[in-house]
Amino acid sequence: MAEGRKLMRSRNQRMIAGVCGGLAEWLGWDVTIVRVSYVVVSVLSAGFPGTLAYIILWFLMPEAPRTRPDL
């Protein structure tokens, strides 16, 4: 984990809302590891708690700022 980095949803590594991509960037991990871990935890917890956690993080995590003005 990098010191002083804010936890934000990713604009580059997103499939739905960028939550897993943002967590991966914040932790310095590969995004695939974070996504697979999320799916495994969600399946083992009967799906609902993992889905609820994702939706909560979607609304609580700010989106990363745009890096290029033309996007």
N, C-alpha and C. Protein backbone atom coordinates (compact mmCIF):
# COMPACT_ATOMS: atom_id res chain seq x y z
N MET A 1 0.84 -1.16 0.00
CA MET A 1 0.00 0.00 0.00
C MET A 1 0.89 1.23 0.00
N ALA A 2 0.67 2.13 -0.91
CA ALA A 2 1.46 3.34 -1.00
C ALA A 2 1.01 4.35 0.04
N GLU A 3 1.96 4.98 0.69
CA GLU A 3 1.64 5.98 1.69
C GLU A 3 1.06 7.23 1.02
N GLY A 4 -0.02 7.74 1.58
CA GLY A 4 -0.60 8.98 1.09
C GLY A 4 -1.50 8.84 -0.13
N ARG A 5 -1.68 7.63 -0.65
CA ARG A 5 -2.56 7.45 -1.81
C ARG A 5 -3.99 7.32 -1.34
N LYS A 6 -4.89 7.99 -2.04
CA LYS A 6 -6.30 7.90 -1.70
C LYS A 6 -6.94 6.71 -2.41
N LEU A 7 -7.89 6.12 -1.74
CA LEU A 7 -8.64 5.01 -2.31
C LEU A 7 -9.73 5.59 -3.20
N MET A 8 -9.62 5.34 -4.51
CA MET A 8 -10.58 5.86 -5.48
C MET A 8 -10.93 4.79 -6.49
N ARG A 9 -12.12 4.90 -7.07
CA ARG A 9 -12.51 3.99 -8.14
C ARG A 9 -11.66 4.28 -9.37
N SER A 10 -11.24 3.25 -10.03
CA SER A 10 -10.36 3.37 -11.19
C SER A 10 -11.14 3.78 -12.44
N ARG A 11 -10.53 4.59 -13.26
CA ARG A 11 -11.08 4.91 -14.58
C ARG A 11 -10.50 3.99 -15.65
N ASN A 12 -9.31 3.45 -15.40
CA ASN A 12 -8.62 2.62 -16.39
C ASN A 12 -8.93 1.14 -16.26
N GLN A 13 -9.07 0.65 -15.03
CA GLN A 13 -9.26 -0.78 -14.77
C GLN A 13 -10.68 -1.04 -14.29
N ARG A 14 -11.67 -0.74 -15.11
CA ARG A 14 -13.04 -0.93 -14.67
C ARG A 14 -13.77 -1.90 -15.56
N MET A 15 -14.64 -2.67 -14.93
CA MET A 15 -15.55 -3.54 -15.66
C MET A 15 -16.98 -3.07 -15.42
N ILE A 16 -17.30 -2.75 -14.17
CA ILE A 16 -18.63 -2.23 -13.85
C ILE A 16 -18.48 -0.80 -13.34
N ALA A 17 -17.92 -0.64 -12.16
CA ALA A 17 -17.81 0.70 -11.57
C ALA A 17 -16.37 1.09 -11.23
N GLY A 18 -15.42 0.18 -11.35
CA GLY A 18 -14.03 0.49 -11.06
C GLY A 18 -13.63 0.26 -9.62
N VAL A 19 -14.50 -0.40 -8.83
CA VAL A 19 -14.20 -0.63 -7.42
C VAL A 19 -13.01 -1.58 -7.27
N CYS A 20 -13.05 -2.72 -7.91
CA CYS A 20 -11.94 -3.69 -7.81
C CYS A 20 -10.66 -3.12 -8.40
N GLY A 21 -10.78 -2.39 -9.50
CA GLY A 21 -9.62 -1.75 -10.10
C GLY A 21 -9.00 -0.72 -9.18
N GLY A 22 -9.84 0.05 -8.50
CA GLY A 22 -9.35 1.05 -7.54
C GLY A 22 -8.68 0.40 -6.36
N LEU A 23 -9.26 -0.68 -5.85
CA LEU A 23 -8.63 -1.41 -4.75
C LEU A 23 -7.28 -1.98 -5.17
N ALA A 24 -7.22 -2.52 -6.38
CA ALA A 24 -5.96 -3.09 -6.87
C ALA A 24 -4.89 -2.01 -7.01
N GLU A 25 -5.25 -0.86 -7.55
CA GLU A 25 -4.28 0.24 -7.68
C GLU A 25 -3.82 0.72 -6.32
N TRP A 26 -4.73 0.82 -5.36
CA TRP A 26 -4.42 1.30 -4.02
C TRP A 26 -3.50 0.34 -3.28
N LEU A 27 -3.77 -0.97 -3.45
CA LEU A 27 -2.96 -1.99 -2.78
C LEU A 27 -1.67 -2.31 -3.53
N GLY A 28 -1.60 -1.94 -4.81
CA GLY A 28 -0.43 -2.26 -5.62
C GLY A 28 -0.45 -3.70 -6.11
N TRP A 29 -1.64 -4.27 -6.22
CA TRP A 29 -1.82 -5.65 -6.67
C TRP A 29 -2.30 -5.68 -8.10
N ASP A 30 -2.24 -6.86 -8.69
CA ASP A 30 -2.80 -7.08 -10.01
C ASP A 30 -4.33 -7.09 -9.90
N VAL A 31 -4.99 -6.41 -10.82
CA VAL A 31 -6.45 -6.28 -10.76
C VAL A 31 -7.14 -7.63 -10.88
N THR A 32 -6.54 -8.57 -11.60
CA THR A 32 -7.14 -9.90 -11.75
C THR A 32 -7.20 -10.63 -10.40
N ILE A 33 -6.17 -10.48 -9.59
CA ILE A 33 -6.16 -11.11 -8.27
C ILE A 33 -7.28 -10.54 -7.40
N VAL A 34 -7.47 -9.25 -7.44
CA VAL A 34 -8.52 -8.62 -6.65
C VAL A 34 -9.89 -9.07 -7.13
N ARG A 35 -10.10 -9.14 -8.43
CA ARG A 35 -11.41 -9.55 -8.97
C ARG A 35 -11.71 -11.01 -8.64
N VAL A 36 -10.73 -11.88 -8.80
CA VAL A 36 -10.93 -13.30 -8.49
C VAL A 36 -11.18 -13.47 -6.99
N SER A 37 -10.45 -12.76 -6.17
CA SER A 37 -10.66 -12.82 -4.72
C SER A 37 -12.05 -12.35 -4.35
N TYR A 38 -12.52 -11.30 -4.98
CA TYR A 38 -13.87 -10.79 -4.72
C TYR A 38 -14.92 -11.84 -5.08
N VAL A 39 -14.77 -12.48 -6.23
CA VAL A 39 -15.74 -13.50 -6.65
C VAL A 39 -15.72 -14.68 -5.69
N VAL A 40 -14.54 -15.14 -5.29
CA VAL A 40 -14.44 -16.27 -4.37
C VAL A 40 -15.09 -15.93 -3.04
N VAL A 41 -14.80 -14.77 -2.49
CA VAL A 41 -15.39 -14.36 -1.22
C VAL A 41 -16.90 -14.22 -1.35
N SER A 42 -17.37 -13.66 -2.45
CA SER A 42 -18.81 -13.51 -2.67
C SER A 42 -19.51 -14.85 -2.77
N VAL A 43 -18.93 -15.79 -3.47
CA VAL A 43 -19.54 -17.11 -3.62
C VAL A 43 -19.56 -17.85 -2.29
N LEU A 44 -18.48 -17.76 -1.54
CA LEU A 44 -18.41 -18.44 -0.25
C LEU A 44 -19.34 -17.82 0.79
N SER A 45 -19.71 -16.55 0.59
CA SER A 45 -20.61 -15.90 1.54
C SER A 45 -22.04 -15.84 1.00
N ALA A 46 -22.38 -16.71 0.07
CA ALA A 46 -23.71 -16.82 -0.53
C ALA A 46 -24.06 -15.63 -1.41
N GLY A 47 -23.06 -14.89 -1.88
CA GLY A 47 -23.28 -13.85 -2.89
C GLY A 47 -23.78 -12.52 -2.39
N PHE A 48 -24.78 -12.52 -1.56
CA PHE A 48 -25.41 -11.25 -1.19
C PHE A 48 -24.50 -10.29 -0.44
N PRO A 49 -23.78 -10.72 0.61
CA PRO A 49 -22.91 -9.76 1.30
C PRO A 49 -21.84 -9.16 0.40
N GLY A 50 -21.29 -9.94 -0.52
CA GLY A 50 -20.28 -9.41 -1.44
C GLY A 50 -20.87 -8.40 -2.40
N THR A 51 -22.07 -8.67 -2.88
CA THR A 51 -22.74 -7.74 -3.78
C THR A 51 -23.09 -6.45 -3.05
N LEU A 52 -23.58 -6.58 -1.84
CA LEU A 52 -23.92 -5.41 -1.04
C LEU A 52 -22.67 -4.57 -0.74
N ALA A 53 -21.57 -5.22 -0.41
CA ALA A 53 -20.32 -4.50 -0.14
C ALA A 53 -19.84 -3.76 -1.39
N TYR A 54 -19.97 -4.38 -2.56
CA TYR A 54 -19.56 -3.74 -3.81
C TYR A 54 -20.40 -2.49 -4.07
N ILE A 55 -21.70 -2.60 -3.89
CA ILE A 55 -22.59 -1.46 -4.12
C ILE A 55 -22.29 -0.32 -3.14
N ILE A 56 -22.04 -0.66 -1.89
CA ILE A 56 -21.70 0.36 -0.90
C ILE A 56 -20.40 1.05 -1.27
N LEU A 57 -19.38 0.27 -1.65
CA LEU A 57 -18.11 0.87 -2.06
C LEU A 57 -18.28 1.72 -3.32
N TRP A 58 -19.16 1.31 -4.22
CA TRP A 58 -19.42 2.07 -5.45
C TRP A 58 -19.86 3.49 -5.10
N PHE A 59 -20.72 3.62 -4.11
CA PHE A 59 -21.22 4.93 -3.73
C PHE A 59 -20.28 5.70 -2.81
N LEU A 60 -19.49 5.00 -1.99
CA LEU A 60 -18.61 5.67 -1.04
C LEU A 60 -17.26 6.09 -1.63
N MET A 61 -16.74 5.30 -2.55
CA MET A 61 -15.42 5.61 -3.13
C MET A 61 -15.56 6.68 -4.20
N PRO A 62 -14.79 7.76 -4.10
CA PRO A 62 -14.85 8.76 -5.17
C PRO A 62 -14.17 8.23 -6.43
N GLU A 63 -14.59 8.75 -7.56
CA GLU A 63 -13.99 8.34 -8.83
C GLU A 63 -12.69 9.09 -9.04
N ALA A 64 -11.70 8.42 -9.57
CA ALA A 64 -10.41 9.04 -9.83
C ALA A 64 -10.60 10.17 -10.85
N PRO A 65 -9.83 11.24 -10.70
CA PRO A 65 -9.97 12.34 -11.66
C PRO A 65 -9.48 11.94 -13.05
N ARG A 66 -10.01 12.60 -14.03
CA ARG A 66 -9.57 12.34 -15.41
C ARG A 66 -8.13 12.79 -15.57
N THR A 67 -7.36 12.04 -16.33
CA THR A 67 -5.95 12.39 -16.51
C THR A 67 -5.75 13.18 -17.79
N ARG A 68 -6.67 13.04 -18.76
CA ARG A 68 -6.57 13.80 -20.01
C ARG A 68 -7.81 14.65 -20.17
N PRO A 69 -7.66 15.91 -20.52
CA PRO A 69 -8.81 16.80 -20.62
C PRO A 69 -9.75 16.48 -21.78
N ASP A 70 -9.30 15.70 -22.78
CA ASP A 70 -10.15 15.43 -23.94
C ASP A 70 -11.06 14.22 -23.76
N LEU A 71 -11.03 13.56 -22.59
CA LEU A 71 -11.87 12.38 -22.34
C LEU A 71 -13.20 12.78 -21.78
